[in-house]
Amino acid sequence: MAKVKVATVWLESCAGCHMSLLDIDEAIVDLANHVEFTRSPITDIKEFTQVDVGIVEGSVGSTEAEETLKELRAHCKILMALGECACFGGVCAMRSTFDKEDVLKRAYIETESTVGGKIPKPPGVPELLDKVKPLNEIVKVDCYVPGCPPDAKTILYALTELLAGRIPVIPSDMMRFD
């Protein structure tokens, strides 16, 4: 039987969800018998190919993140939002309460340690969107695995459900928000 092809991306977030994915420990060996990871921070493959499952950690706060998400959606059959940021915007969405220009000014000009700062422009730094968004405000999401970060057991449950041909619905006792 052919392996299920999976691509993962890490948008605006802390990488905690990918760390939880790696925390499935020895189960990753069994998973490797059924899954082929293509583009992913784990593999460092840069190009998207057609995959069965796309997994996204992080919210969408820049034009680059938006383009990456749309490209993954175009290359996958099922898209999974992994973690609080991908599902709901998470901590990154706190930026949405401020004006984008004020955020850039504070970060690059007004910080206490900045001398002669200037706001960088693309292509050096991706252009920020006015607001940070969860995935479903940009593309169709097929399943959600909330949590900050989701527990490794929850991620394994979701992947096992997908491998069995079912869209995972996470039971409430598996939800985690630290």
N, C-alpha and C. Protein backbone atom coordinates (compact mmCIF):
# COMPACT_ATOMS: atom_id res chain seq x y z
N MET A 1 0.84 -1.18 0.00
CA MET A 1 0.00 0.00 0.00
C MET A 1 0.89 1.25 0.00
N ALA A 2 0.51 2.23 -0.80
CA ALA A 2 1.30 3.46 -0.90
C ALA A 2 1.20 4.26 0.39
N LYS A 3 2.27 4.97 0.71
CA LYS A 3 2.28 5.81 1.90
C LYS A 3 1.44 7.06 1.66
N VAL A 4 0.86 7.57 2.73
CA VAL A 4 0.13 8.83 2.68
C VAL A 4 1.16 9.95 2.66
N LYS A 5 1.04 10.82 1.68
CA LYS A 5 1.99 11.94 1.58
C LYS A 5 1.48 13.11 2.40
N VAL A 6 2.38 13.66 3.22
CA VAL A 6 2.03 14.74 4.13
C VAL A 6 3.04 15.88 3.98
N ALA A 7 2.52 17.11 3.89
CA ALA A 7 3.36 18.31 3.92
C ALA A 7 2.94 19.13 5.13
N THR A 8 3.90 19.74 5.79
CA THR A 8 3.59 20.62 6.92
C THR A 8 4.28 21.96 6.72
N VAL A 9 3.63 23.00 7.21
CA VAL A 9 4.26 24.32 7.20
C VAL A 9 4.08 24.97 8.57
N TRP A 10 4.98 25.88 8.84
CA TRP A 10 5.03 26.62 10.09
C TRP A 10 4.92 28.08 9.70
N LEU A 11 3.77 28.69 9.95
CA LEU A 11 3.56 30.09 9.62
C LEU A 11 3.93 30.94 10.83
N GLU A 12 3.08 31.86 11.25
CA GLU A 12 3.39 32.72 12.40
C GLU A 12 3.01 32.00 13.69
N SER A 13 4.02 31.52 14.38
CA SER A 13 3.80 30.78 15.62
C SER A 13 5.15 30.50 16.27
N CYS A 14 5.11 29.71 17.33
CA CYS A 14 6.31 29.47 18.13
C CYS A 14 7.01 28.15 17.83
N ALA A 15 6.46 27.33 16.96
CA ALA A 15 6.98 26.00 16.62
C ALA A 15 6.58 24.93 17.63
N GLY A 16 5.79 25.30 18.62
CA GLY A 16 5.36 24.33 19.63
C GLY A 16 4.57 23.17 19.07
N CYS A 17 3.79 23.41 18.03
CA CYS A 17 2.98 22.33 17.45
C CYS A 17 3.86 21.30 16.74
N HIS A 18 4.88 21.76 16.03
CA HIS A 18 5.80 20.82 15.41
C HIS A 18 6.61 20.07 16.48
N MET A 19 6.91 20.73 17.58
CA MET A 19 7.60 20.05 18.69
C MET A 19 6.70 18.96 19.27
N SER A 20 5.40 19.26 19.40
CA SER A 20 4.46 18.25 19.89
C SER A 20 4.34 17.09 18.91
N LEU A 21 4.41 17.38 17.62
CA LEU A 21 4.40 16.31 16.61
C LEU A 21 5.60 15.40 16.83
N LEU A 22 6.76 15.97 17.05
CA LEU A 22 7.95 15.15 17.31
C LEU A 22 7.85 14.42 18.64
N ASP A 23 7.05 14.94 19.57
CA ASP A 23 6.89 14.32 20.89
C ASP A 23 6.06 13.04 20.87
N ILE A 24 5.61 12.61 19.69
CA ILE A 24 4.91 11.33 19.67
C ILE A 24 5.90 10.17 19.85
N ASP A 25 7.18 10.55 19.98
CA ASP A 25 8.26 9.64 20.33
C ASP A 25 8.32 8.41 19.42
N GLU A 26 8.34 7.20 20.02
CA GLU A 26 8.54 5.99 19.22
C GLU A 26 7.39 5.72 18.26
N ALA A 27 6.24 6.32 18.48
CA ALA A 27 5.12 6.16 17.55
C ALA A 27 5.47 6.76 16.19
N ILE A 28 6.44 7.66 16.14
CA ILE A 28 6.84 8.26 14.87
C ILE A 28 7.48 7.22 13.95
N VAL A 29 8.10 6.18 14.54
CA VAL A 29 8.68 5.11 13.75
C VAL A 29 7.57 4.34 13.04
N ASP A 30 6.52 4.00 13.77
CA ASP A 30 5.38 3.31 13.16
C ASP A 30 4.70 4.21 12.13
N LEU A 31 4.56 5.49 12.48
CA LEU A 31 3.95 6.45 11.56
C LEU A 31 4.74 6.53 10.26
N ALA A 32 6.05 6.45 10.35
CA ALA A 32 6.91 6.53 9.17
C ALA A 32 6.68 5.36 8.21
N ASN A 33 6.13 4.27 8.72
CA ASN A 33 5.78 3.14 7.84
C ASN A 33 4.57 3.45 6.97
N HIS A 34 3.78 4.45 7.36
CA HIS A 34 2.54 4.76 6.67
C HIS A 34 2.52 6.14 6.03
N VAL A 35 3.46 6.99 6.42
CA VAL A 35 3.46 8.39 6.00
C VAL A 35 4.79 8.75 5.36
N GLU A 36 4.72 9.54 4.30
CA GLU A 36 5.92 10.13 3.70
C GLU A 36 5.82 11.64 3.85
N PHE A 37 6.72 12.22 4.63
CA PHE A 37 6.73 13.67 4.78
C PHE A 37 7.45 14.28 3.59
N THR A 38 6.79 15.24 2.94
CA THR A 38 7.41 15.97 1.83
C THR A 38 7.88 17.30 2.39
N ARG A 39 7.37 18.42 1.88
CA ARG A 39 7.80 19.73 2.40
C ARG A 39 7.41 19.85 3.87
N SER A 40 8.38 20.22 4.68
CA SER A 40 8.16 20.33 6.11
C SER A 40 9.40 20.94 6.77
N PRO A 41 9.24 21.64 7.89
CA PRO A 41 10.43 22.07 8.63
C PRO A 41 11.25 20.87 9.12
N ILE A 42 10.60 19.72 9.20
CA ILE A 42 11.29 18.52 9.66
C ILE A 42 12.21 17.98 8.56
N THR A 43 11.78 18.08 7.30
CA THR A 43 12.58 17.56 6.17
C THR A 43 13.41 18.63 5.50
N ASP A 44 13.00 19.88 5.62
CA ASP A 44 13.64 21.02 4.98
C ASP A 44 13.50 21.00 3.46
N ILE A 45 12.52 20.27 2.93
CA ILE A 45 12.19 20.31 1.51
C ILE A 45 11.45 21.61 1.26
N LYS A 46 11.82 22.35 0.22
CA LYS A 46 11.30 23.70 0.01
C LYS A 46 10.10 23.78 -0.93
N GLU A 47 9.93 22.82 -1.82
CA GLU A 47 8.87 22.90 -2.83
C GLU A 47 7.68 22.04 -2.43
N PHE A 48 6.49 22.49 -2.83
CA PHE A 48 5.29 21.68 -2.63
C PHE A 48 5.12 20.72 -3.80
N THR A 49 4.73 19.50 -3.47
CA THR A 49 4.27 18.54 -4.46
C THR A 49 2.86 18.15 -4.04
N GLN A 50 2.16 17.43 -4.87
CA GLN A 50 0.80 17.01 -4.52
C GLN A 50 0.87 16.04 -3.34
N VAL A 51 0.08 16.32 -2.29
CA VAL A 51 0.06 15.49 -1.09
C VAL A 51 -1.38 15.16 -0.70
N ASP A 52 -1.50 14.16 0.16
CA ASP A 52 -2.81 13.79 0.67
C ASP A 52 -3.25 14.72 1.78
N VAL A 53 -2.31 15.04 2.69
CA VAL A 53 -2.63 15.85 3.87
C VAL A 53 -1.65 17.02 3.98
N GLY A 54 -2.19 18.20 4.19
CA GLY A 54 -1.39 19.37 4.51
C GLY A 54 -1.67 19.75 5.96
N ILE A 55 -0.63 19.97 6.73
CA ILE A 55 -0.78 20.35 8.13
C ILE A 55 -0.15 21.72 8.32
N VAL A 56 -0.93 22.64 8.89
CA VAL A 56 -0.45 24.01 9.06
C VAL A 56 -0.45 24.38 10.52
N GLU A 57 0.71 24.82 10.99
CA GLU A 57 0.87 25.42 12.31
C GLU A 57 1.02 26.92 12.11
N GLY A 58 0.33 27.70 12.90
CA GLY A 58 0.51 29.15 12.86
C GLY A 58 -0.61 29.89 12.17
N SER A 59 -0.65 31.17 12.44
CA SER A 59 -1.66 32.05 11.85
C SER A 59 -1.08 32.75 10.63
N VAL A 60 -1.93 33.54 9.97
CA VAL A 60 -1.55 34.22 8.74
C VAL A 60 -1.48 35.72 9.01
N GLY A 61 -0.27 36.26 9.03
CA GLY A 61 -0.10 37.67 9.32
C GLY A 61 0.73 38.42 8.31
N SER A 62 1.18 37.73 7.26
CA SER A 62 2.00 38.38 6.23
C SER A 62 1.58 37.87 4.86
N THR A 63 1.97 38.63 3.83
CA THR A 63 1.67 38.20 2.47
C THR A 63 2.36 36.88 2.16
N GLU A 64 3.57 36.70 2.69
CA GLU A 64 4.30 35.45 2.47
C GLU A 64 3.56 34.26 3.09
N ALA A 65 3.07 34.41 4.31
CA ALA A 65 2.32 33.33 4.97
C ALA A 65 1.04 33.02 4.19
N GLU A 66 0.38 34.06 3.72
CA GLU A 66 -0.86 33.88 2.94
C GLU A 66 -0.58 33.11 1.65
N GLU A 67 0.50 33.46 0.95
CA GLU A 67 0.86 32.76 -0.28
C GLU A 67 1.22 31.30 0.00
N THR A 68 1.97 31.06 1.07
CA THR A 68 2.36 29.69 1.43
C THR A 68 1.12 28.85 1.72
N LEU A 69 0.19 29.40 2.49
CA LEU A 69 -1.04 28.68 2.83
C LEU A 69 -1.84 28.36 1.58
N LYS A 70 -2.02 29.32 0.71
CA LYS A 70 -2.78 29.09 -0.53
C LYS A 70 -2.11 28.04 -1.40
N GLU A 71 -0.79 28.07 -1.46
CA GLU A 71 -0.07 27.09 -2.26
C GLU A 71 -0.23 25.69 -1.68
N LEU A 72 -0.12 25.56 -0.35
CA LEU A 72 -0.32 24.24 0.26
C LEU A 72 -1.75 23.76 0.03
N ARG A 73 -2.73 24.62 0.20
CA ARG A 73 -4.13 24.24 -0.02
C ARG A 73 -4.33 23.71 -1.44
N ALA A 74 -3.67 24.34 -2.41
CA ALA A 74 -3.78 23.92 -3.80
C ALA A 74 -3.11 22.57 -4.06
N HIS A 75 -2.22 22.16 -3.16
CA HIS A 75 -1.47 20.92 -3.35
C HIS A 75 -1.89 19.80 -2.41
N CYS A 76 -2.97 19.97 -1.63
CA CYS A 76 -3.36 18.90 -0.71
C CYS A 76 -4.85 18.59 -0.83
N LYS A 77 -5.18 17.34 -0.50
CA LYS A 77 -6.58 16.91 -0.50
C LYS A 77 -7.27 17.33 0.79
N ILE A 78 -6.58 17.17 1.91
CA ILE A 78 -7.13 17.49 3.23
C ILE A 78 -6.19 18.48 3.91
N LEU A 79 -6.74 19.55 4.45
CA LEU A 79 -5.92 20.54 5.16
C LEU A 79 -6.29 20.54 6.63
N MET A 80 -5.29 20.34 7.48
CA MET A 80 -5.46 20.32 8.93
C MET A 80 -4.88 21.59 9.54
N ALA A 81 -5.70 22.27 10.35
CA ALA A 81 -5.23 23.40 11.16
C ALA A 81 -4.73 22.82 12.47
N LEU A 82 -3.45 22.99 12.75
CA LEU A 82 -2.83 22.39 13.95
C LEU A 82 -2.48 23.49 14.95
N GLY A 83 -3.16 23.49 16.08
CA GLY A 83 -2.85 24.43 17.15
C GLY A 83 -3.74 25.66 17.16
N GLU A 84 -3.67 26.34 18.28
CA GLU A 84 -4.48 27.53 18.55
C GLU A 84 -4.32 28.61 17.49
N CYS A 85 -3.08 28.88 17.08
CA CYS A 85 -2.83 29.95 16.10
C CYS A 85 -3.49 29.64 14.76
N ALA A 86 -3.34 28.42 14.27
CA ALA A 86 -3.93 28.03 12.99
C ALA A 86 -5.46 27.99 13.08
N CYS A 87 -5.98 27.50 14.20
CA CYS A 87 -7.44 27.35 14.35
C CYS A 87 -8.15 28.68 14.61
N PHE A 88 -7.55 29.53 15.44
CA PHE A 88 -8.26 30.72 15.91
C PHE A 88 -7.47 32.03 15.81
N GLY A 89 -6.21 31.97 15.42
CA GLY A 89 -5.37 33.17 15.38
C GLY A 89 -4.35 33.20 16.49
N GLY A 90 -4.72 32.68 17.66
CA GLY A 90 -3.81 32.53 18.78
C GLY A 90 -3.16 33.81 19.26
N VAL A 91 -2.05 33.66 19.93
CA VAL A 91 -1.30 34.78 20.51
C VAL A 91 -0.89 35.76 19.42
N CYS A 92 -0.55 35.25 18.25
CA CYS A 92 -0.11 36.13 17.15
C CYS A 92 -1.18 37.14 16.77
N ALA A 93 -2.45 36.77 16.92
CA ALA A 93 -3.55 37.66 16.55
C ALA A 93 -3.68 38.85 17.49
N MET A 94 -2.95 38.84 18.61
CA MET A 94 -2.98 40.01 19.49
C MET A 94 -2.48 41.26 18.76
N ARG A 95 -1.63 41.06 17.73
CA ARG A 95 -1.17 42.19 16.93
C ARG A 95 -2.33 42.90 16.24
N SER A 96 -3.42 42.18 15.99
CA SER A 96 -4.56 42.75 15.26
C SER A 96 -5.26 43.87 16.02
N THR A 97 -4.96 44.01 17.29
CA THR A 97 -5.58 45.10 18.07
C THR A 97 -4.85 46.42 17.87
N PHE A 98 -3.74 46.39 17.13
CA PHE A 98 -2.95 47.59 16.87
C PHE A 98 -2.91 47.89 15.38
N ASP A 99 -2.66 49.13 15.04
CA ASP A 99 -2.46 49.53 13.67
C ASP A 99 -1.14 48.94 13.18
N LYS A 100 -1.13 48.38 11.99
CA LYS A 100 0.07 47.74 11.43
C LYS A 100 1.27 48.69 11.41
N GLU A 101 1.06 49.93 11.00
CA GLU A 101 2.17 50.89 10.93
C GLU A 101 2.73 51.20 12.32
N ASP A 102 1.86 51.26 13.33
CA ASP A 102 2.32 51.49 14.70
C ASP A 102 3.17 50.32 15.19
N VAL A 103 2.79 49.11 14.84
CA VAL A 103 3.55 47.92 15.23
C VAL A 103 4.94 47.96 14.60
N LEU A 104 5.00 48.25 13.32
CA LEU A 104 6.30 48.31 12.63
C LEU A 104 7.18 49.42 13.20
N LYS A 105 6.57 50.57 13.47
CA LYS A 105 7.32 51.69 14.03
C LYS A 105 7.90 51.32 15.39
N ARG A 106 7.10 50.70 16.23
CA ARG A 106 7.57 50.30 17.56
C ARG A 106 8.70 49.27 17.45
N ALA A 107 8.54 48.30 16.56
CA ALA A 107 9.52 47.22 16.44
C ALA A 107 10.84 47.67 15.86
N TYR A 108 10.81 48.58 14.89
CA TYR A 108 12.04 48.91 14.17
C TYR A 108 12.60 50.30 14.46
N ILE A 109 11.82 51.16 15.09
CA ILE A 109 12.30 52.53 15.32
C ILE A 109 12.29 52.91 16.80
N GLU A 110 11.25 52.58 17.52
CA GLU A 110 11.07 53.09 18.88
C GLU A 110 11.60 52.21 19.99
N THR A 111 12.11 51.03 19.68
CA THR A 111 12.62 50.17 20.76
C THR A 111 13.79 50.86 21.45
N GLU A 112 13.95 50.59 22.71
CA GLU A 112 14.97 51.26 23.52
C GLU A 112 16.38 51.03 23.00
N SER A 113 16.62 49.91 22.35
CA SER A 113 17.98 49.60 21.89
C SER A 113 18.24 50.03 20.44
N THR A 114 17.24 50.58 19.78
CA THR A 114 17.39 50.93 18.36
C THR A 114 18.05 52.30 18.20
N VAL A 115 19.04 52.34 17.32
CA VAL A 115 19.71 53.60 16.98
C VAL A 115 19.63 53.73 15.46
N GLY A 116 19.02 54.79 14.99
CA GLY A 116 18.92 55.03 13.55
C GLY A 116 18.14 53.97 12.82
N GLY A 117 17.10 53.44 13.44
CA GLY A 117 16.32 52.37 12.82
C GLY A 117 15.49 52.84 11.64
N LYS A 118 15.13 51.88 10.81
CA LYS A 118 14.21 52.14 9.71
C LYS A 118 13.36 50.89 9.50
N ILE A 119 12.17 51.09 9.01
CA ILE A 119 11.26 49.98 8.77
C ILE A 119 11.66 49.29 7.48
N PRO A 120 12.00 47.99 7.54
CA PRO A 120 12.40 47.28 6.33
C PRO A 120 11.21 47.07 5.40
N LYS A 121 11.49 46.97 4.14
CA LYS A 121 10.46 46.75 3.13
C LYS A 121 10.74 45.43 2.42
N PRO A 122 9.69 44.81 1.86
CA PRO A 122 9.92 43.60 1.07
C PRO A 122 10.90 43.90 -0.05
N PRO A 123 11.75 42.97 -0.48
CA PRO A 123 11.70 41.55 -0.21
C PRO A 123 12.44 41.12 1.06
N GLY A 124 13.12 42.00 1.74
CA GLY A 124 13.87 41.62 2.93
C GLY A 124 12.99 41.10 4.05
N VAL A 125 11.84 41.69 4.23
CA VAL A 125 10.88 41.28 5.25
C VAL A 125 9.52 41.21 4.58
N PRO A 126 8.79 40.09 4.74
CA PRO A 126 7.47 39.99 4.10
C PRO A 126 6.54 41.12 4.59
N GLU A 127 5.69 41.57 3.70
CA GLU A 127 4.74 42.62 4.06
C GLU A 127 3.69 42.08 5.02
N LEU A 128 3.49 42.81 6.12
CA LEU A 128 2.47 42.40 7.08
C LEU A 128 1.08 42.68 6.53
N LEU A 129 0.14 41.79 6.85
CA LEU A 129 -1.26 42.06 6.59
C LEU A 129 -1.76 43.02 7.66
N ASP A 130 -2.85 43.70 7.41
CA ASP A 130 -3.39 44.62 8.41
C ASP A 130 -3.78 43.89 9.68
N LYS A 131 -4.31 42.68 9.55
CA LYS A 131 -4.74 41.86 10.69
C LYS A 131 -4.19 40.45 10.55
N VAL A 132 -3.94 39.80 11.66
CA VAL A 132 -3.53 38.39 11.69
C VAL A 132 -4.80 37.54 11.67
N LYS A 133 -4.79 36.49 10.86
CA LYS A 133 -6.00 35.70 10.64
C LYS A 133 -5.76 34.21 10.89
N PRO A 134 -6.81 33.51 11.33
CA PRO A 134 -6.73 32.05 11.35
C PRO A 134 -6.83 31.54 9.91
N LEU A 135 -6.47 30.29 9.70
CA LEU A 135 -6.43 29.73 8.35
C LEU A 135 -7.76 29.82 7.61
N ASN A 136 -8.86 29.54 8.33
CA ASN A 136 -10.16 29.45 7.66
C ASN A 136 -10.68 30.78 7.14
N GLU A 137 -10.00 31.87 7.45
CA GLU A 137 -10.36 33.16 6.85
C GLU A 137 -9.69 33.34 5.49
N ILE A 138 -8.80 32.41 5.14
CA ILE A 138 -8.06 32.49 3.88
C ILE A 138 -8.42 31.33 2.94
N VAL A 139 -8.46 30.12 3.49
CA VAL A 139 -8.71 28.92 2.68
C VAL A 139 -9.68 27.99 3.41
N LYS A 140 -10.13 26.96 2.69
CA LYS A 140 -10.99 25.93 3.28
C LYS A 140 -10.13 25.03 4.17
N VAL A 141 -10.57 24.83 5.40
CA VAL A 141 -9.90 23.94 6.35
C VAL A 141 -10.81 22.73 6.55
N ASP A 142 -10.22 21.53 6.49
CA ASP A 142 -11.00 20.30 6.60
C ASP A 142 -11.08 19.76 8.02
N CYS A 143 -10.05 19.98 8.83
CA CYS A 143 -10.10 19.50 10.20
C CYS A 143 -9.26 20.40 11.10
N TYR A 144 -9.65 20.44 12.36
CA TYR A 144 -9.03 21.32 13.35
C TYR A 144 -8.51 20.49 14.51
N VAL A 145 -7.26 20.78 14.91
CA VAL A 145 -6.67 20.16 16.09
C VAL A 145 -6.21 21.32 16.98
N PRO A 146 -7.13 21.83 17.82
CA PRO A 146 -6.78 22.98 18.66
C PRO A 146 -5.89 22.59 19.83
N GLY A 147 -5.37 23.60 20.49
CA GLY A 147 -4.51 23.40 21.65
C GLY A 147 -3.29 24.30 21.51
N CYS A 148 -2.67 24.57 22.63
CA CYS A 148 -1.53 25.48 22.62
C CYS A 148 -0.41 24.93 23.49
N PRO A 149 0.40 24.04 22.95
CA PRO A 149 0.19 23.30 21.71
C PRO A 149 -0.69 22.09 21.96
N PRO A 150 -1.19 21.47 20.87
CA PRO A 150 -1.91 20.21 21.08
C PRO A 150 -0.96 19.18 21.68
N ASP A 151 -1.48 18.35 22.53
CA ASP A 151 -0.72 17.27 23.13
C ASP A 151 -0.31 16.27 22.04
N ALA A 152 0.84 15.64 22.21
CA ALA A 152 1.33 14.66 21.24
C ALA A 152 0.30 13.55 21.02
N LYS A 153 -0.37 13.11 22.09
CA LYS A 153 -1.39 12.06 21.95
C LYS A 153 -2.55 12.54 21.06
N THR A 154 -2.88 13.81 21.16
CA THR A 154 -3.96 14.36 20.35
C THR A 154 -3.55 14.41 18.88
N ILE A 155 -2.33 14.80 18.62
CA ILE A 155 -1.83 14.84 17.25
C ILE A 155 -1.79 13.44 16.67
N LEU A 156 -1.30 12.48 17.44
CA LEU A 156 -1.26 11.10 16.99
C LEU A 156 -2.66 10.58 16.71
N TYR A 157 -3.60 10.91 17.59
CA TYR A 157 -5.01 10.53 17.37
C TYR A 157 -5.50 11.08 16.03
N ALA A 158 -5.25 12.37 15.78
CA ALA A 158 -5.73 13.00 14.55
C ALA A 158 -5.09 12.34 13.32
N LEU A 159 -3.80 12.09 13.38
CA LEU A 159 -3.12 11.45 12.25
C LEU A 159 -3.62 10.02 12.03
N THR A 160 -3.85 9.31 13.12
CA THR A 160 -4.37 7.94 13.02
C THR A 160 -5.75 7.94 12.39
N GLU A 161 -6.58 8.89 12.78
CA GLU A 161 -7.92 9.02 12.17
C GLU A 161 -7.80 9.28 10.66
N LEU A 162 -6.91 10.18 10.27
CA LEU A 162 -6.72 10.47 8.86
C LEU A 162 -6.23 9.25 8.10
N LEU A 163 -5.29 8.49 8.69
CA LEU A 163 -4.79 7.29 8.04
C LEU A 163 -5.88 6.23 7.88
N ALA A 164 -6.87 6.27 8.77
CA ALA A 164 -8.00 5.34 8.68
C ALA A 164 -9.08 5.85 7.72
N GLY A 165 -8.84 7.00 7.11
CA GLY A 165 -9.80 7.54 6.15
C GLY A 165 -10.91 8.37 6.76
N ARG A 166 -10.73 8.79 8.01
CA ARG A 166 -11.74 9.59 8.70
C ARG A 166 -11.20 10.99 8.99
N ILE A 167 -12.08 11.98 8.89
CA ILE A 167 -11.71 13.33 9.30
C ILE A 167 -11.79 13.35 10.82
N PRO A 168 -10.69 13.69 11.51
CA PRO A 168 -10.72 13.65 12.97
C PRO A 168 -11.58 14.74 13.59
N VAL A 169 -12.30 14.35 14.60
CA VAL A 169 -13.02 15.29 15.47
C VAL A 169 -12.43 15.05 16.85
N ILE A 170 -11.77 16.06 17.38
CA ILE A 170 -11.03 15.89 18.63
C ILE A 170 -12.00 15.88 19.81
N PRO A 171 -11.99 14.81 20.62
CA PRO A 171 -12.85 14.76 21.81
C PRO A 171 -12.44 15.84 22.80
N SER A 172 -13.41 16.34 23.54
CA SER A 172 -13.14 17.46 24.46
C SER A 172 -12.10 17.12 25.51
N ASP A 173 -12.00 15.85 25.93
CA ASP A 173 -11.02 15.50 26.94
C ASP A 173 -9.59 15.50 26.41
N MET A 174 -9.43 15.68 25.08
CA MET A 174 -8.10 15.75 24.48
C MET A 174 -7.68 17.20 24.19
N MET A 175 -8.57 18.15 24.43
CA MET A 175 -8.26 19.55 24.18
C MET A 175 -7.29 20.04 25.25
N ARG A 176 -6.34 20.90 24.83
CA ARG A 176 -5.32 21.38 25.77
C ARG A 176 -4.99 22.83 25.47
N PHE A 177 -5.08 23.66 26.48
CA PHE A 177 -4.74 25.05 26.36
C PHE A 177 -3.93 25.45 27.59
N ASP A 178 -2.59 25.45 27.45
CA ASP A 178 -1.72 25.78 28.57
C ASP A 178 -1.47 27.27 28.65
